[in-house]
Amino acid sequence: MYPRTKSLGLIIKDNYILLEEQEGKHSKGIGYYYRPIGGTIELGERSDETIVREFYEELGVEIVISRYISCLENIFKIDDDIGHELIQIYIVEFKDKRLYQKENFTVTEGMKVAVAKWVSKDEIISGEKVLYPNGLKDLLEEAF
């Protein structure tokens, strides 16, 4: 298996970040965990195009990219399975500023439906909320 390439977008409102909430087994145990909106870069697609497409597919919203932040390399293990991702991280904004007033967003990925919500940076930094990909918590501490 080869590393997967992904693109994730951070939408920030005050001290909060919009994150998808998921529940299940993850590399740090079992329970709730959070990740930014985004997904796999398709062949021939630029990472900035991916993040725009993913927000539209998953949330049904249009975004504008503010700036590129960094690339993270995430190597993790769940049970006996090893995962390896190269992830482009962007700061993005909603085109429709009224969306910042919404508390929750429905996230649709194929047949899977989840929720995205505003999670405080303090809950992430303290470790109260588990954030993926690995390395993103450190990046948030440095950049914000």
N, C-alpha and C. Protein backbone atom coordinates (compact mmCIF):
# COMPACT_ATOMS: atom_id res chain seq x y z
N MET A 1 0.84 -1.19 0.00
CA MET A 1 0.00 0.00 0.00
C MET A 1 0.88 1.24 0.00
N TYR A 2 0.45 2.24 -0.71
CA TYR A 2 1.21 3.47 -0.83
C TYR A 2 0.61 4.57 0.05
N PRO A 3 1.39 5.59 0.36
CA PRO A 3 0.82 6.73 1.10
C PRO A 3 -0.30 7.39 0.30
N ARG A 4 -1.30 7.88 0.99
CA ARG A 4 -2.40 8.62 0.35
C ARG A 4 -2.09 10.11 0.47
N THR A 5 -2.45 10.85 -0.55
CA THR A 5 -2.28 12.29 -0.50
C THR A 5 -3.64 12.93 -0.25
N LYS A 6 -3.67 13.86 0.70
CA LYS A 6 -4.92 14.50 1.09
C LYS A 6 -4.75 16.00 1.19
N SER A 7 -5.88 16.68 1.24
CA SER A 7 -5.91 18.12 1.40
C SER A 7 -7.00 18.43 2.43
N LEU A 8 -6.64 19.22 3.46
CA LEU A 8 -7.58 19.57 4.52
C LEU A 8 -7.66 21.09 4.68
N GLY A 9 -8.84 21.57 5.04
CA GLY A 9 -9.04 23.01 5.21
C GLY A 9 -9.47 23.37 6.61
N LEU A 10 -8.83 24.37 7.16
CA LEU A 10 -9.18 24.88 8.50
C LEU A 10 -9.99 26.15 8.35
N ILE A 11 -11.20 26.13 8.88
CA ILE A 11 -12.02 27.33 8.96
C ILE A 11 -12.00 27.75 10.42
N ILE A 12 -11.56 28.97 10.68
CA ILE A 12 -11.40 29.46 12.04
C ILE A 12 -12.36 30.60 12.30
N LYS A 13 -13.03 30.52 13.47
CA LYS A 13 -13.95 31.56 13.92
C LYS A 13 -13.59 31.87 15.36
N ASP A 14 -13.04 33.06 15.60
CA ASP A 14 -12.57 33.42 16.94
C ASP A 14 -11.56 32.37 17.40
N ASN A 15 -11.85 31.66 18.48
CA ASN A 15 -10.93 30.64 19.01
C ASN A 15 -11.43 29.23 18.68
N TYR A 16 -12.27 29.12 17.65
CA TYR A 16 -12.88 27.86 17.30
C TYR A 16 -12.50 27.44 15.88
N ILE A 17 -12.45 26.12 15.67
CA ILE A 17 -12.13 25.55 14.36
C ILE A 17 -13.26 24.61 13.98
N LEU A 18 -13.70 24.67 12.73
CA LEU A 18 -14.74 23.78 12.26
C LEU A 18 -14.14 22.41 11.99
N LEU A 19 -14.62 21.39 12.73
CA LEU A 19 -14.08 20.05 12.62
C LEU A 19 -15.20 19.02 12.51
N GLU A 20 -14.93 17.99 11.73
CA GLU A 20 -15.86 16.87 11.63
C GLU A 20 -15.69 15.97 12.85
N GLU A 21 -16.80 15.62 13.48
CA GLU A 21 -16.77 14.73 14.63
C GLU A 21 -17.05 13.30 14.17
N GLN A 22 -16.18 12.39 14.57
CA GLN A 22 -16.36 10.98 14.25
C GLN A 22 -16.23 10.17 15.52
N GLU A 23 -16.80 8.98 15.52
CA GLU A 23 -16.70 8.10 16.67
C GLU A 23 -16.31 6.72 16.20
N GLY A 24 -15.40 6.11 16.94
CA GLY A 24 -14.98 4.76 16.59
C GLY A 24 -13.55 4.51 17.02
N LYS A 25 -12.96 3.47 16.44
CA LYS A 25 -11.58 3.10 16.75
C LYS A 25 -10.65 4.03 15.99
N HIS A 26 -9.64 4.52 16.69
CA HIS A 26 -8.62 5.37 16.07
C HIS A 26 -7.27 5.01 16.68
N SER A 27 -6.22 5.66 16.23
CA SER A 27 -4.87 5.26 16.65
C SER A 27 -4.58 5.53 18.12
N LYS A 28 -5.42 6.31 18.80
CA LYS A 28 -5.21 6.58 20.23
C LYS A 28 -6.24 5.89 21.11
N GLY A 29 -7.08 5.04 20.51
CA GLY A 29 -8.07 4.32 21.30
C GLY A 29 -9.41 4.22 20.60
N ILE A 30 -10.47 4.28 21.40
CA ILE A 30 -11.84 4.21 20.89
C ILE A 30 -12.61 5.38 21.48
N GLY A 31 -13.43 6.02 20.66
CA GLY A 31 -14.25 7.14 21.13
C GLY A 31 -14.34 8.21 20.08
N TYR A 32 -14.67 9.41 20.54
CA TYR A 32 -14.81 10.53 19.61
C TYR A 32 -13.44 11.07 19.21
N TYR A 33 -13.36 11.49 17.96
CA TYR A 33 -12.17 12.18 17.47
C TYR A 33 -12.62 13.18 16.40
N TYR A 34 -11.73 14.11 16.07
CA TYR A 34 -12.08 15.22 15.20
C TYR A 34 -11.04 15.38 14.10
N ARG A 35 -11.50 15.87 12.95
CA ARG A 35 -10.59 16.16 11.84
C ARG A 35 -11.18 17.28 11.01
N PRO A 36 -10.31 18.05 10.35
CA PRO A 36 -10.81 19.11 9.46
C PRO A 36 -11.50 18.51 8.24
N ILE A 37 -12.27 19.32 7.57
CA ILE A 37 -12.94 18.91 6.34
C ILE A 37 -11.90 18.80 5.22
N GLY A 38 -12.05 17.77 4.40
CA GLY A 38 -11.15 17.58 3.28
C GLY A 38 -11.15 16.14 2.85
N GLY A 39 -10.20 15.78 2.02
CA GLY A 39 -10.15 14.41 1.55
C GLY A 39 -9.01 14.14 0.60
N THR A 40 -9.12 13.04 -0.09
CA THR A 40 -8.07 12.54 -0.96
C THR A 40 -7.95 13.35 -2.24
N ILE A 41 -6.72 13.66 -2.60
CA ILE A 41 -6.43 14.36 -3.85
C ILE A 41 -6.55 13.34 -4.98
N GLU A 42 -7.34 13.68 -5.99
CA GLU A 42 -7.52 12.78 -7.12
C GLU A 42 -6.40 12.99 -8.14
N LEU A 43 -6.14 11.97 -8.92
CA LEU A 43 -5.09 12.03 -9.93
C LEU A 43 -5.34 13.19 -10.88
N GLY A 44 -4.34 14.04 -11.06
CA GLY A 44 -4.45 15.19 -11.96
C GLY A 44 -5.06 16.42 -11.31
N GLU A 45 -5.42 16.33 -10.04
CA GLU A 45 -6.04 17.44 -9.33
C GLU A 45 -5.03 18.09 -8.39
N ARG A 46 -5.00 19.40 -8.38
CA ARG A 46 -4.12 20.12 -7.46
C ARG A 46 -4.75 20.11 -6.07
N SER A 47 -3.91 20.19 -5.04
CA SER A 47 -4.41 20.11 -3.66
C SER A 47 -5.37 21.26 -3.33
N ASP A 48 -5.15 22.44 -3.92
CA ASP A 48 -6.06 23.56 -3.65
C ASP A 48 -7.42 23.31 -4.32
N GLU A 49 -7.43 22.64 -5.46
CA GLU A 49 -8.69 22.27 -6.11
C GLU A 49 -9.43 21.22 -5.28
N THR A 50 -8.67 20.32 -4.70
CA THR A 50 -9.26 19.26 -3.87
C THR A 50 -10.04 19.84 -2.70
N ILE A 51 -9.45 20.81 -2.01
CA ILE A 51 -10.11 21.33 -0.81
C ILE A 51 -11.40 22.06 -1.17
N VAL A 52 -11.40 22.77 -2.28
CA VAL A 52 -12.62 23.45 -2.73
C VAL A 52 -13.69 22.41 -3.07
N ARG A 53 -13.30 21.37 -3.79
CA ARG A 53 -14.24 20.30 -4.17
C ARG A 53 -14.78 19.57 -2.94
N GLU A 54 -13.90 19.24 -2.01
CA GLU A 54 -14.31 18.48 -0.83
C GLU A 54 -15.30 19.25 0.04
N PHE A 55 -15.08 20.54 0.23
CA PHE A 55 -16.04 21.33 1.02
C PHE A 55 -17.40 21.36 0.34
N TYR A 56 -17.40 21.43 -0.99
CA TYR A 56 -18.66 21.46 -1.71
C TYR A 56 -19.35 20.09 -1.64
N GLU A 57 -18.58 19.02 -1.82
CA GLU A 57 -19.16 17.67 -1.78
C GLU A 57 -19.63 17.29 -0.38
N GLU A 58 -18.85 17.60 0.64
CA GLU A 58 -19.16 17.15 1.99
C GLU A 58 -20.14 18.05 2.73
N LEU A 59 -20.02 19.37 2.54
CA LEU A 59 -20.88 20.31 3.27
C LEU A 59 -21.87 21.05 2.38
N GLY A 60 -21.64 21.02 1.07
CA GLY A 60 -22.51 21.76 0.15
C GLY A 60 -22.28 23.26 0.20
N VAL A 61 -21.04 23.68 0.55
CA VAL A 61 -20.72 25.10 0.67
C VAL A 61 -19.52 25.46 -0.20
N GLU A 62 -19.45 26.73 -0.57
CA GLU A 62 -18.31 27.24 -1.33
C GLU A 62 -17.35 27.94 -0.38
N ILE A 63 -16.07 27.74 -0.64
CA ILE A 63 -15.03 28.35 0.19
C ILE A 63 -14.05 29.12 -0.68
N VAL A 64 -13.26 29.94 0.00
CA VAL A 64 -12.14 30.66 -0.61
C VAL A 64 -10.91 30.29 0.20
N ILE A 65 -9.83 29.98 -0.49
CA ILE A 65 -8.59 29.66 0.21
C ILE A 65 -7.90 30.95 0.61
N SER A 66 -7.59 31.08 1.91
CA SER A 66 -6.87 32.26 2.41
C SER A 66 -5.37 32.10 2.23
N ARG A 67 -4.87 30.91 2.66
CA ARG A 67 -3.44 30.67 2.51
C ARG A 67 -3.10 29.22 2.78
N TYR A 68 -1.98 28.82 2.23
CA TYR A 68 -1.42 27.50 2.46
C TYR A 68 -0.65 27.55 3.77
N ILE A 69 -0.78 26.51 4.58
CA ILE A 69 -0.08 26.47 5.87
C ILE A 69 1.15 25.55 5.83
N SER A 70 0.93 24.27 5.55
CA SER A 70 2.03 23.32 5.65
C SER A 70 1.63 21.97 5.06
N CYS A 71 2.59 21.09 4.99
CA CYS A 71 2.35 19.70 4.62
C CYS A 71 2.69 18.84 5.84
N LEU A 72 1.79 17.96 6.22
CA LEU A 72 2.03 17.03 7.33
C LEU A 72 2.19 15.62 6.78
N GLU A 73 3.05 14.86 7.42
CA GLU A 73 3.18 13.45 7.10
C GLU A 73 2.64 12.69 8.30
N ASN A 74 1.59 11.94 8.09
CA ASN A 74 0.89 11.24 9.15
C ASN A 74 1.05 9.73 8.94
N ILE A 75 1.80 9.10 9.84
CA ILE A 75 1.95 7.64 9.82
C ILE A 75 1.32 7.13 11.11
N PHE A 76 0.36 6.21 10.97
CA PHE A 76 -0.37 5.76 12.14
C PHE A 76 -0.71 4.28 12.03
N LYS A 77 -1.11 3.69 13.16
CA LYS A 77 -1.45 2.28 13.20
C LYS A 77 -2.76 2.11 13.95
N ILE A 78 -3.69 1.37 13.36
CA ILE A 78 -4.93 0.99 14.02
C ILE A 78 -4.99 -0.53 13.94
N ASP A 79 -4.97 -1.16 15.11
CA ASP A 79 -4.82 -2.62 15.19
C ASP A 79 -3.53 -2.99 14.48
N ASP A 80 -3.60 -3.83 13.46
CA ASP A 80 -2.39 -4.24 12.74
C ASP A 80 -2.24 -3.52 11.41
N ASP A 81 -3.11 -2.56 11.13
CA ASP A 81 -3.08 -1.83 9.86
C ASP A 81 -2.30 -0.53 9.99
N ILE A 82 -1.37 -0.31 9.09
CA ILE A 82 -0.58 0.92 9.08
C ILE A 82 -1.14 1.86 8.00
N GLY A 83 -1.33 3.10 8.37
CA GLY A 83 -1.75 4.13 7.43
C GLY A 83 -0.65 5.15 7.25
N HIS A 84 -0.58 5.73 6.08
CA HIS A 84 0.46 6.72 5.78
C HIS A 84 -0.16 7.77 4.85
N GLU A 85 -0.17 9.02 5.31
CA GLU A 85 -0.78 10.10 4.55
C GLU A 85 0.17 11.28 4.43
N LEU A 86 0.15 11.92 3.28
CA LEU A 86 0.80 13.21 3.08
C LEU A 86 -0.33 14.21 2.91
N ILE A 87 -0.38 15.22 3.77
CA ILE A 87 -1.56 16.08 3.86
C ILE A 87 -1.20 17.55 3.70
N GLN A 88 -1.81 18.19 2.71
CA GLN A 88 -1.66 19.63 2.51
C GLN A 88 -2.72 20.33 3.37
N ILE A 89 -2.27 21.31 4.15
CA ILE A 89 -3.16 22.02 5.08
C ILE A 89 -3.33 23.47 4.62
N TYR A 90 -4.59 23.90 4.53
CA TYR A 90 -4.92 25.26 4.10
C TYR A 90 -5.81 25.94 5.14
N ILE A 91 -5.70 27.27 5.21
CA ILE A 91 -6.68 28.09 5.91
C ILE A 91 -7.69 28.50 4.84
N VAL A 92 -8.97 28.27 5.12
CA VAL A 92 -10.02 28.60 4.16
C VAL A 92 -11.11 29.41 4.86
N GLU A 93 -11.93 30.06 4.06
CA GLU A 93 -13.05 30.86 4.58
C GLU A 93 -14.31 30.52 3.80
N PHE A 94 -15.45 30.66 4.45
CA PHE A 94 -16.72 30.51 3.74
C PHE A 94 -16.91 31.69 2.80
N LYS A 95 -17.40 31.44 1.58
CA LYS A 95 -17.78 32.54 0.69
C LYS A 95 -18.97 33.28 1.27
N ASP A 96 -19.94 32.53 1.77
CA ASP A 96 -21.13 33.10 2.39
C ASP A 96 -20.85 33.31 3.88
N LYS A 97 -20.62 34.53 4.28
CA LYS A 97 -20.23 34.84 5.66
C LYS A 97 -21.31 34.47 6.68
N ARG A 98 -22.55 34.32 6.24
CA ARG A 98 -23.63 33.93 7.15
C ARG A 98 -23.42 32.53 7.71
N LEU A 99 -22.65 31.71 7.01
CA LEU A 99 -22.41 30.34 7.47
C LEU A 99 -21.65 30.28 8.79
N TYR A 100 -20.92 31.33 9.11
CA TYR A 100 -20.19 31.36 10.38
C TYR A 100 -21.14 31.35 11.58
N GLN A 101 -22.41 31.68 11.36
CA GLN A 101 -23.39 31.70 12.44
C GLN A 101 -23.98 30.31 12.73
N LYS A 102 -23.83 29.38 11.79
CA LYS A 102 -24.34 28.03 12.00
C LYS A 102 -23.53 27.31 13.06
N GLU A 103 -24.22 26.54 13.91
CA GLU A 103 -23.53 25.79 14.96
C GLU A 103 -23.01 24.44 14.47
N ASN A 104 -23.79 23.79 13.60
CA ASN A 104 -23.43 22.46 13.10
C ASN A 104 -23.66 22.38 11.60
N PHE A 105 -22.92 21.48 10.96
CA PHE A 105 -23.06 21.23 9.54
C PHE A 105 -23.16 19.72 9.33
N THR A 106 -24.01 19.30 8.42
CA THR A 106 -24.09 17.89 8.06
C THR A 106 -22.99 17.58 7.06
N VAL A 107 -22.21 16.55 7.35
CA VAL A 107 -21.11 16.13 6.49
C VAL A 107 -21.54 14.84 5.80
N THR A 108 -21.57 14.86 4.48
CA THR A 108 -21.98 13.69 3.72
C THR A 108 -20.81 13.19 2.88
N GLU A 109 -20.44 11.94 3.11
CA GLU A 109 -19.37 11.29 2.34
C GLU A 109 -19.91 9.96 1.85
N GLY A 110 -20.43 9.92 0.64
CA GLY A 110 -21.06 8.70 0.12
C GLY A 110 -22.29 8.38 0.95
N MET A 111 -22.31 7.20 1.54
CA MET A 111 -23.43 6.78 2.38
C MET A 111 -23.26 7.20 3.84
N LYS A 112 -22.09 7.68 4.18
CA LYS A 112 -21.79 8.04 5.57
C LYS A 112 -22.21 9.49 5.83
N VAL A 113 -22.89 9.70 6.95
CA VAL A 113 -23.29 11.05 7.36
C VAL A 113 -22.74 11.32 8.75
N ALA A 114 -22.12 12.47 8.93
CA ALA A 114 -21.55 12.87 10.21
C ALA A 114 -21.91 14.34 10.45
N VAL A 115 -21.35 14.91 11.49
CA VAL A 115 -21.59 16.31 11.81
C VAL A 115 -20.25 17.03 11.94
N ALA A 116 -20.22 18.29 11.50
CA ALA A 116 -19.06 19.16 11.74
C ALA A 116 -19.54 20.24 12.68
N LYS A 117 -18.69 20.57 13.65
CA LYS A 117 -19.06 21.57 14.65
C LYS A 117 -17.85 22.42 15.00
N TRP A 118 -18.12 23.54 15.64
CA TRP A 118 -17.05 24.43 16.08
C TRP A 118 -16.46 23.88 17.37
N VAL A 119 -15.17 23.58 17.35
CA VAL A 119 -14.46 23.04 18.51
C VAL A 119 -13.42 24.06 18.94
N SER A 120 -13.37 24.33 20.24
CA SER A 120 -12.44 25.36 20.71
C SER A 120 -10.99 24.87 20.59
N LYS A 121 -10.13 25.79 20.23
CA LYS A 121 -8.71 25.50 20.12
C LYS A 121 -8.17 25.02 21.47
N ASP A 122 -8.68 25.58 22.56
CA ASP A 122 -8.23 25.19 23.90
C ASP A 122 -8.51 23.71 24.19
N GLU A 123 -9.67 23.21 23.75
CA GLU A 123 -10.00 21.80 23.96
C GLU A 123 -9.05 20.89 23.17
N ILE A 124 -8.61 21.37 22.02
CA ILE A 124 -7.68 20.60 21.20
C ILE A 124 -6.29 20.61 21.82
N ILE A 125 -5.81 21.80 22.16
CA ILE A 125 -4.46 21.94 22.71
C ILE A 125 -4.32 21.18 24.02
N SER A 126 -5.36 21.22 24.87
CA SER A 126 -5.31 20.54 26.16
C SER A 126 -5.37 19.02 26.02
N GLY A 127 -5.78 18.53 24.85
CA GLY A 127 -5.93 17.10 24.65
C GLY A 127 -7.30 16.59 25.01
N GLU A 128 -8.19 17.48 25.45
CA GLU A 128 -9.56 17.09 25.79
C GLU A 128 -10.27 16.50 24.58
N LYS A 129 -10.00 17.04 23.40
CA LYS A 129 -10.54 16.53 22.15
C LYS A 129 -9.38 15.94 21.35
N VAL A 130 -9.57 14.75 20.79
CA VAL A 130 -8.55 14.08 19.99
C VAL A 130 -8.65 14.60 18.57
N LEU A 131 -7.54 15.13 18.06
CA LEU A 131 -7.50 15.73 16.73
C LEU A 131 -6.59 14.93 15.81
N TYR A 132 -7.06 14.72 14.60
CA TYR A 132 -6.24 14.10 13.55
C TYR A 132 -6.20 15.03 12.36
N PRO A 133 -5.19 14.96 11.54
CA PRO A 133 -4.08 14.02 11.56
C PRO A 133 -3.07 14.37 12.65
N ASN A 134 -2.24 13.37 12.97
CA ASN A 134 -1.16 13.59 13.92
C ASN A 134 -0.29 14.74 13.41
N GLY A 135 0.12 15.60 14.33
CA GLY A 135 0.95 16.74 13.98
C GLY A 135 0.15 18.03 13.80
N LEU A 136 -1.15 17.92 13.58
CA LEU A 136 -1.96 19.12 13.38
C LEU A 136 -2.10 19.92 14.67
N LYS A 137 -2.21 19.25 15.80
CA LYS A 137 -2.29 19.94 17.09
C LYS A 137 -1.05 20.82 17.30
N ASP A 138 0.13 20.27 17.04
CA ASP A 138 1.38 21.04 17.18
C ASP A 138 1.41 22.21 16.22
N LEU A 139 0.95 22.01 15.02
CA LEU A 139 0.89 23.07 14.01
C LEU A 139 -0.03 24.20 14.48
N LEU A 140 -1.16 23.86 15.07
CA LEU A 140 -2.09 24.87 15.59
C LEU A 140 -1.46 25.67 16.73
N GLU A 141 -0.71 24.99 17.58
CA GLU A 141 -0.04 25.69 18.69
C GLU A 141 0.98 26.69 18.16
N GLU A 142 1.70 26.33 17.13
CA GLU A 142 2.73 27.19 16.55
C GLU A 142 2.15 28.34 15.75
N ALA A 143 1.13 28.04 14.94
CA ALA A 143 0.63 29.02 13.96
C ALA A 143 -0.42 29.97 14.52
N PHE A 144 -1.10 29.59 15.59
CA PHE A 144 -2.18 30.41 16.09
C PHE A 144 -2.03 30.67 17.55
